[in-house]
Amino acid sequence: MQVLDRAAIRGFSQVRLVTKASNEIVSAIEALELAEGKGMDLVLVGEDAKPPVVRIQDYKKIQFEKKKARKNSQRKTSLKEVQFKVNISDHDFDTKLNNIRKFLERGDKVKIMVRLKGREREAPERAQMVIKRVVEAVDCKSSTVAGPVAMAILEPGK
């Protein structure tokens, strides 16, 4: 879409003026004067048509609404963190799992951490089993991170 002014309108002798009430062919100068009389812009909608299609509207308002829609569609994702212990009860596990599902539905990423304390460090495979149990219960993309603390990052599925 392009805003037409006096210099740009010279290339057109006639245009198809589309409004809510009518759809008519008028001279380009007349269409521009109608737009200026209403305090709005003459916007070129269809350049390839014979004659070109124009509309009277507030172009800055349209640009603002497009920018606002674009800004709203770019939702910022955040990283939520949920910590588990190796000896977690079933009820606590289910509660944390429900929270993880809620975060993923909102579009957030979730970082799962299983902390090992004291003698639990002797069996790190138990921490991996807890992470595997969470990943199987939640249907999403996951990536595990190796290290002294067992971690996985879950991303919402598309």
C-alpha atoms as a PDB file:
ATOM      1  CA  MET A   1       0.000   0.000   0.000  1.00  0.00           C
ATOM      2  CA  GLN A   2       1.215   3.445  -0.898  1.00  0.00           C
ATOM      3  CA  VAL A   3      -0.090   6.895  -0.036  1.00  0.00           C
ATOM      4  CA  LEU A   4      -0.759   9.012  -3.105  1.00  0.00           C
ATOM      5  CA  ASP A   5      -0.119  12.746  -3.152  1.00  0.00           C
ATOM      6  CA  ARG A   6      -0.335  15.352  -5.922  1.00  0.00           C
ATOM      7  CA  ALA A   7       2.991  14.322  -7.449  1.00  0.00           C
ATOM      8  CA  ALA A   8       2.204  10.578  -7.390  1.00  0.00           C
ATOM      9  CA  ILE A   9      -1.334  10.981  -8.740  1.00  0.00           C
ATOM     10  CA  ARG A  10      -0.103  12.529 -12.021  1.00  0.00           C
ATOM     11  CA  GLY A  11       0.597   9.094 -13.443  1.00  0.00           C
ATOM     12  CA  PHE A  12      -3.093   8.159 -13.288  1.00  0.00           C
ATOM     13  CA  SER A  13      -5.923   9.795 -15.201  1.00  0.00           C
ATOM     14  CA  GLN A  14      -8.702   7.729 -13.636  1.00  0.00           C
ATOM     15  CA  VAL A  15      -8.862   5.482 -10.588  1.00  0.00           C
ATOM     16  CA  ARG A  16     -11.376   3.094  -9.079  1.00  0.00           C
ATOM     17  CA  LEU A  17     -12.398   4.618  -5.757  1.00  0.00           C
ATOM     18  CA  VAL A  18     -13.528   1.967  -3.267  1.00  0.00           C
ATOM     19  CA  THR A  19     -15.453   3.152  -0.211  1.00  0.00           C
ATOM     20  CA  LYS A  20     -17.910   1.533   2.184  1.00  0.00           C
ATOM     21  CA  ALA A  21     -20.815   2.982   0.222  1.00  0.00           C
ATOM     22  CA  SER A  22     -19.618   2.776  -3.377  1.00  0.00           C
ATOM     23  CA  ASN A  23     -17.227   1.370  -5.920  1.00  0.00           C
ATOM     24  CA  GLU A  24     -16.863   3.845  -8.783  1.00  0.00           C
ATOM     25  CA  ILE A  25     -14.408   5.115 -11.374  1.00  0.00           C
ATOM     26  CA  VAL A  26     -13.493   8.792 -10.902  1.00  0.00           C
ATOM     27  CA  SER A  27     -10.691  11.081 -11.993  1.00  0.00           C
ATOM     28  CA  ALA A  28      -7.544  10.855  -9.915  1.00  0.00           C
ATOM     29  CA  ILE A  29      -7.628  14.550  -8.988  1.00  0.00           C
ATOM     30  CA  GLU A  30     -11.241  14.259  -7.813  1.00  0.00           C
ATOM     31  CA  ALA A  31     -10.387  11.248  -5.630  1.00  0.00           C
ATOM     32  CA  LEU A  32      -7.461  13.116  -4.081  1.00  0.00           C
ATOM     33  CA  GLU A  33      -9.646  16.167  -3.368  1.00  0.00           C
ATOM     34  CA  LEU A  34     -12.278  13.931  -1.712  1.00  0.00           C
ATOM     35  CA  ALA A  35      -9.605  12.426   0.521  1.00  0.00           C
ATOM     36  CA  GLU A  36      -8.162  15.815   1.437  1.00  0.00           C
ATOM     37  CA  GLY A  37     -11.665  17.131   2.137  1.00  0.00           C
ATOM     38  CA  LYS A  38     -12.205  14.345   4.694  1.00  0.00           C
ATOM     39  CA  GLY A  39      -8.743  14.899   6.212  1.00  0.00           C
ATOM     40  CA  MET A  40      -7.596  11.409   5.213  1.00  0.00           C
ATOM     41  CA  ASP A  41      -5.111   9.854   2.804  1.00  0.00           C
ATOM     42  CA  LEU A  42      -5.632   8.396  -0.651  1.00  0.00           C
ATOM     43  CA  VAL A  43      -4.087   4.931  -0.499  1.00  0.00           C
ATOM     44  CA  LEU A  44      -3.196   2.894  -3.584  1.00  0.00           C
ATOM     45  CA  VAL A  45      -4.526  -0.621  -3.011  1.00  0.00           C
ATOM     46  CA  GLY A  46      -4.240  -2.295  -6.431  1.00  0.00           C
ATOM     47  CA  GLU A  47      -1.605  -0.850  -8.725  1.00  0.00           C
ATOM     48  CA  ASP A  48      -1.812  -3.538 -11.413  1.00  0.00           C
ATOM     49  CA  ALA A  49      -5.571  -3.209 -11.994  1.00  0.00           C
ATOM     50  CA  LYS A  50      -7.016  -1.168 -14.879  1.00  0.00           C
ATOM     51  CA  PRO A  51      -7.764   1.485 -13.617  1.00  0.00           C
ATOM     52  CA  PRO A  52      -5.740   1.393 -10.374  1.00  0.00           C
ATOM     53  CA  VAL A  53      -7.741   0.804  -7.194  1.00  0.00           C
ATOM     54  CA  VAL A  54      -7.564   3.427  -4.419  1.00  0.00           C
ATOM     55  CA  ARG A  55      -9.195   3.815  -1.034  1.00  0.00           C
ATOM     56  CA  ILE A  56      -9.732   6.791   1.265  1.00  0.00           C
ATOM     57  CA  GLN A  57      -8.439   5.970   4.741  1.00  0.00           C
ATOM     58  CA  ASP A  58      -6.148   7.143   7.533  1.00  0.00           C
ATOM     59  CA  TYR A  59      -2.831   5.569   6.542  1.00  0.00           C
ATOM     60  CA  LYS A  60      -1.007   6.370   9.795  1.00  0.00           C
ATOM     61  CA  LYS A  61      -3.717   4.619  11.774  1.00  0.00           C
ATOM     62  CA  ILE A  62      -3.327   1.486   9.646  1.00  0.00           C
ATOM     63  CA  GLN A  63       0.458   1.554  10.095  1.00  0.00           C
ATOM     64  CA  PHE A  64       0.019   1.942  13.869  1.00  0.00           C
ATOM     65  CA  GLU A  65      -2.393  -1.006  14.063  1.00  0.00           C
ATOM     66  CA  LYS A  66      -0.053  -3.208  11.997  1.00  0.00           C
ATOM     67  CA  LYS A  67       2.878  -2.294  14.231  1.00  0.00           C
ATOM     68  CA  LYS A  68       0.809  -3.010  17.341  1.00  0.00           C
ATOM     69  CA  ALA A  69      -0.307  -6.402  15.977  1.00  0.00           C
ATOM     70  CA  ARG A  70       3.279  -7.285  15.066  1.00  0.00           C
ATOM     71  CA  LYS A  71       4.460  -6.322  18.543  1.00  0.00           C
ATOM     72  CA  ASN A  72       1.743  -8.431  20.209  1.00  0.00           C
ATOM     73  CA  SER A  73       2.553 -11.437  18.043  1.00  0.00           C
ATOM     74  CA  GLN A  74       6.187 -11.375  19.146  1.00  0.00           C
ATOM     75  CA  ARG A  75       5.513 -12.764  22.597  1.00  0.00           C
ATOM     76  CA  LYS A  76       8.615 -13.026  24.700  1.00  0.00           C
ATOM     77  CA  THR A  77       9.322 -16.490  25.999  1.00  0.00           C
ATOM     78  CA  SER A  78      10.834 -16.888  29.400  1.00  0.00           C
ATOM     79  CA  LEU A  79      12.699 -19.730  31.021  1.00  0.00           C
ATOM     80  CA  LYS A  80      10.942 -21.260  34.016  1.00  0.00           C
ATOM     81  CA  GLU A  81      12.815 -23.497  36.397  1.00  0.00           C
ATOM     82  CA  VAL A  82      11.395 -26.508  38.242  1.00  0.00           C
ATOM     83  CA  GLN A  83      13.526 -28.445  40.717  1.00  0.00           C
ATOM     84  CA  PHE A  84      13.062 -32.082  41.629  1.00  0.00           C
ATOM     85  CA  LYS A  85      14.642 -34.347  44.189  1.00  0.00           C
ATOM     86  CA  VAL A  86      15.492 -37.965  43.559  1.00  0.00           C
ATOM     87  CA  ASN A  87      13.145 -39.205  46.290  1.00  0.00           C
ATOM     88  CA  ILE A  88      10.047 -37.271  45.233  1.00  0.00           C
ATOM     89  CA  SER A  89       6.592 -38.517  46.171  1.00  0.00           C
ATOM     90  CA  ASP A  90       3.996 -39.212  43.490  1.00  0.00           C
ATOM     91  CA  HIS A  91       1.711 -36.364  44.534  1.00  0.00           C
ATOM     92  CA  ASP A  92       4.554 -33.813  44.503  1.00  0.00           C
ATOM     93  CA  PHE A  93       5.687 -35.137  41.130  1.00  0.00           C
ATOM     94  CA  ASP A  94       2.179 -34.727  39.690  1.00  0.00           C
ATOM     95  CA  THR A  95       1.886 -31.177  41.049  1.00  0.00           C
ATOM     96  CA  LYS A  96       5.192 -30.131  39.498  1.00  0.00           C
ATOM     97  CA  LEU A  97       4.239 -31.883  36.266  1.00  0.00           C
ATOM     98  CA  ASN A  98       0.994 -29.867  36.093  1.00  0.00           C
ATOM     99  CA  ASN A  99       2.990 -26.659  36.550  1.00  0.00           C
ATOM    100  CA  ILE A 100       5.352 -27.695  33.750  1.00  0.00           C
ATOM    101  CA  ARG A 101       2.429 -28.365  31.420  1.00  0.00           C
ATOM    102  CA  LYS A 102       0.948 -24.946  32.249  1.00  0.00           C
ATOM    103  CA  PHE A 103       4.255 -23.216  31.466  1.00  0.00           C
ATOM    104  CA  LEU A 104       4.619 -25.072  28.167  1.00  0.00           C
ATOM    105  CA  GLU A 105       1.069 -24.209  27.093  1.00  0.00           C
ATOM    106  CA  ARG A 106       1.877 -20.523  27.625  1.00  0.00           C
ATOM    107  CA  GLY A 107       4.878 -20.913  25.330  1.00  0.00           C
ATOM    108  CA  ASP A 108       7.596 -20.738  27.966  1.00  0.00           C
ATOM    109  CA  LYS A 109      10.652 -22.962  28.106  1.00  0.00           C
ATOM    110  CA  VAL A 110      11.097 -25.065  31.234  1.00  0.00           C
ATOM    111  CA  LYS A 111      14.397 -25.996  32.831  1.00  0.00           C
ATOM    112  CA  ILE A 112      14.223 -29.161  34.938  1.00  0.00           C
ATOM    113  CA  MET A 113      16.876 -29.665  37.595  1.00  0.00           C
ATOM    114  CA  VAL A 114      17.417 -32.709  39.772  1.00  0.00           C
ATOM    115  CA  ARG A 115      19.723 -31.939  42.658  1.00  0.00           C
ATOM    116  CA  LEU A 116      21.735 -34.706  44.255  1.00  0.00           C
ATOM    117  CA  LYS A 117      22.729 -34.325  47.885  1.00  0.00           C
ATOM    118  CA  GLY A 118      25.151 -36.337  49.955  1.00  0.00           C
ATOM    119  CA  ARG A 119      25.040 -40.041  49.188  1.00  0.00           C
ATOM    120  CA  GLU A 120      22.586 -39.484  46.326  1.00  0.00           C
ATOM    121  CA  ARG A 121      25.605 -38.400  44.230  1.00  0.00           C
ATOM    122  CA  GLU A 122      26.787 -42.001  44.153  1.00  0.00           C
ATOM    123  CA  ALA A 123      23.855 -42.955  41.873  1.00  0.00           C
ATOM    124  CA  PRO A 124      23.446 -40.183  39.227  1.00  0.00           C
ATOM    125  CA  GLU A 125      21.414 -42.548  37.041  1.00  0.00           C
ATOM    126  CA  ARG A 126      18.484 -42.079  39.466  1.00  0.00           C
ATOM    127  CA  ALA A 127      18.438 -38.360  38.583  1.00  0.00           C
ATOM    128  CA  GLN A 128      18.378 -39.249  34.888  1.00  0.00           C
ATOM    129  CA  MET A 129      15.431 -41.578  35.556  1.00  0.00           C
ATOM    130  CA  VAL A 130      13.471 -38.683  37.120  1.00  0.00           C
ATOM    131  CA  ILE A 131      14.187 -36.500  34.081  1.00  0.00           C
ATOM    132  CA  LYS A 132      13.219 -39.308  31.716  1.00  0.00           C
ATOM    133  CA  ARG A 133       9.961 -39.772  33.650  1.00  0.00           C
ATOM    134  CA  VAL A 134       9.138 -36.053  33.269  1.00  0.00           C
ATOM    135  CA  VAL A 135       9.966 -35.981  29.547  1.00  0.00           C
ATOM    136  CA  GLU A 136       7.800 -39.031  28.886  1.00  0.00           C
ATOM    137  CA  ALA A 137       4.865 -37.532  30.798  1.00  0.00           C
ATOM    138  CA  VAL A 138       5.066 -34.223  28.915  1.00  0.00           C
ATOM    139  CA  ASP A 139       4.945 -34.356  25.130  1.00  0.00           C
ATOM    140  CA  CYS A 140       7.495 -31.760  23.990  1.00  0.00           C
ATOM    141  CA  LYS A 141      11.017 -31.256  22.674  1.00  0.00           C
ATOM    142  CA  SER A 142      13.753 -31.789  25.233  1.00  0.00           C
ATOM    143  CA  SER A 143      17.503 -31.524  25.480  1.00  0.00           C
ATOM    144  CA  THR A 144      19.528 -32.808  28.408  1.00  0.00           C
ATOM    145  CA  VAL A 145      22.586 -31.048  29.772  1.00  0.00           C
ATOM    146  CA  ALA A 146      25.434 -33.069  31.210  1.00  0.00           C
ATOM    147  CA  GLY A 147      27.076 -31.975  34.440  1.00  0.00           C
ATOM    148  CA  PRO A 148      27.098 -32.453  38.199  1.00  0.00           C
ATOM    149  CA  VAL A 149      23.451 -31.432  38.402  1.00  0.00           C
ATOM    150  CA  ALA A 150      21.098 -33.368  36.138  1.00  0.00           C
ATOM    151  CA  MET A 151      19.273 -30.874  33.891  1.00  0.00           C
ATOM    152  CA  ALA A 152      16.942 -30.868  30.925  1.00  0.00           C
ATOM    153  CA  ILE A 153      15.367 -28.007  28.981  1.00  0.00           C
ATOM    154  CA  LEU A 154      11.868 -28.540  27.654  1.00  0.00           C
ATOM    155  CA  GLU A 155      10.471 -26.498  24.764  1.00  0.00           C
ATOM    156  CA  PRO A 156       6.815 -26.362  23.729  1.00  0.00           C
ATOM    157  CA  GLY A 157       5.899 -28.436  20.693  1.00  0.00           C
ATOM    158  CA  LYS A 158       4.787 -26.574  17.588  1.00  0.00           C
END
